[in-house]
Amino acid sequence: MRTRSYGIPDRGSVLYVETRGAGMATDDAERVSDHTRLSGDLLGVALPPAASRKLIAQIRGEFP
């Protein structure tokens, strides 16, 4: 799934969500705001890329 948020002059923000089978755009302020908060929360707890790679390699090493 891929998502993008766009600022449109005179319309506010528009959220575009694309999945394997379809895409959808919405300018519903509550949905756009919820997505923005969720994205920020996920970025806040994500590991930096190098640390992510290291963790993945470590976990891979635990399985034959």
C-alpha atoms as a PDB file:
ATOM      1  CA  MET A   1       0.000   0.000   0.000  1.00  0.00           C
ATOM      2  CA  ARG A   2       1.201   3.479  -0.812  1.00  0.00           C
ATOM      3  CA  THR A   3      -0.245   6.727   0.503  1.00  0.00           C
ATOM      4  CA  ARG A   4       0.364  10.361  -0.302  1.00  0.00           C
ATOM      5  CA  SER A   5      -1.085  13.565   1.003  1.00  0.00           C
ATOM      6  CA  TYR A   6      -1.286  16.655  -1.174  1.00  0.00           C
ATOM      7  CA  GLY A   7      -2.088  20.247  -0.351  1.00  0.00           C
ATOM      8  CA  ILE A   8      -4.508  21.656  -2.939  1.00  0.00           C
ATOM      9  CA  PRO A   9      -5.013  25.441  -3.052  1.00  0.00           C
ATOM     10  CA  ASP A  10      -8.578  26.400  -2.094  1.00  0.00           C
ATOM     11  CA  ARG A  11      -9.388  22.733  -1.239  1.00  0.00           C
ATOM     12  CA  GLY A  12      -7.152  21.881   1.712  1.00  0.00           C
ATOM     13  CA  SER A  13      -5.459  18.488   1.871  1.00  0.00           C
ATOM     14  CA  VAL A  14      -6.226  15.447  -0.250  1.00  0.00           C
ATOM     15  CA  LEU A  15      -5.156  11.939   0.732  1.00  0.00           C
ATOM     16  CA  TYR A  16      -4.489   9.356  -1.977  1.00  0.00           C
ATOM     17  CA  VAL A  17      -4.303   5.691  -0.962  1.00  0.00           C
ATOM     18  CA  GLU A  18      -3.155   3.117  -3.486  1.00  0.00           C
ATOM     19  CA  THR A  19      -3.373  -0.629  -2.896  1.00  0.00           C
ATOM     20  CA  ARG A  20      -2.593  -3.575  -5.112  1.00  0.00           C
ATOM     21  CA  GLY A  21      -6.076  -3.556  -6.603  1.00  0.00           C
ATOM     22  CA  ALA A  22      -7.274   0.051  -6.505  1.00  0.00           C
ATOM     23  CA  GLY A  23      -6.629   3.661  -5.625  1.00  0.00           C
ATOM     24  CA  MET A  24      -8.783   6.127  -3.730  1.00  0.00           C
ATOM     25  CA  ALA A  25      -8.599   9.844  -3.071  1.00  0.00           C
ATOM     26  CA  THR A  26     -10.395  11.664  -0.277  1.00  0.00           C
ATOM     27  CA  ASP A  27     -10.519  15.238   0.934  1.00  0.00           C
ATOM     28  CA  ASP A  28     -12.398  14.276   4.103  1.00  0.00           C
ATOM     29  CA  ALA A  29     -10.582  16.346   6.739  1.00  0.00           C
ATOM     30  CA  GLU A  30     -10.976  13.718   9.477  1.00  0.00           C
ATOM     31  CA  ARG A  31      -9.500  10.928   7.325  1.00  0.00           C
ATOM     32  CA  VAL A  32      -6.623  13.104   6.131  1.00  0.00           C
ATOM     33  CA  SER A  33      -5.876  14.202   9.701  1.00  0.00           C
ATOM     34  CA  ASP A  34      -6.054  10.620  11.012  1.00  0.00           C
ATOM     35  CA  HIS A  35      -3.641   9.446   8.328  1.00  0.00           C
ATOM     36  CA  THR A  36      -1.252  12.306   9.038  1.00  0.00           C
ATOM     37  CA  ARG A  37      -1.235  11.466  12.764  1.00  0.00           C
ATOM     38  CA  LEU A  38      -0.745   7.755  12.109  1.00  0.00           C
ATOM     39  CA  SER A  39       2.125   8.394   9.687  1.00  0.00           C
ATOM     40  CA  GLY A  40       3.808  10.638  12.228  1.00  0.00           C
ATOM     41  CA  ASP A  41       3.392   8.027  14.963  1.00  0.00           C
ATOM     42  CA  LEU A  42       4.939   5.320  12.762  1.00  0.00           C
ATOM     43  CA  LEU A  43       7.867   7.516  11.784  1.00  0.00           C
ATOM     44  CA  GLY A  44       8.399   8.345  15.427  1.00  0.00           C
ATOM     45  CA  VAL A  45       8.925   4.705  16.420  1.00  0.00           C
ATOM     46  CA  ALA A  46      10.695   3.465  13.284  1.00  0.00           C
ATOM     47  CA  LEU A  47      14.349   2.550  13.432  1.00  0.00           C
ATOM     48  CA  PRO A  48      16.817   4.398  11.221  1.00  0.00           C
ATOM     49  CA  PRO A  49      17.537   2.494   7.950  1.00  0.00           C
ATOM     50  CA  ALA A  50      20.938   1.166   9.079  1.00  0.00           C
ATOM     51  CA  ALA A  51      19.524  -0.107  12.367  1.00  0.00           C
ATOM     52  CA  SER A  52      16.599  -1.721  10.511  1.00  0.00           C
ATOM     53  CA  ARG A  53      18.986  -3.565   8.197  1.00  0.00           C
ATOM     54  CA  LYS A  54      21.057  -4.725  11.159  1.00  0.00           C
ATOM     55  CA  LEU A  55      17.978  -6.009  13.000  1.00  0.00           C
ATOM     56  CA  ILE A  56      16.686  -7.828   9.905  1.00  0.00           C
ATOM     57  CA  ALA A  57      20.082  -9.481   9.378  1.00  0.00           C
ATOM     58  CA  GLN A  58      20.184 -10.502  13.047  1.00  0.00           C
ATOM     59  CA  ILE A  59      16.702 -12.040  12.883  1.00  0.00           C
ATOM     60  CA  ARG A  60      17.490 -13.819   9.610  1.00  0.00           C
ATOM     61  CA  GLY A  61      20.513 -15.376  11.297  1.00  0.00           C
ATOM     62  CA  GLU A  62      18.262 -16.934  13.934  1.00  0.00           C
ATOM     63  CA  PHE A  63      16.512 -19.126  11.343  1.00  0.00           C
ATOM     64  CA  PRO A  64      18.052 -21.918   9.281  1.00  0.00           C
END
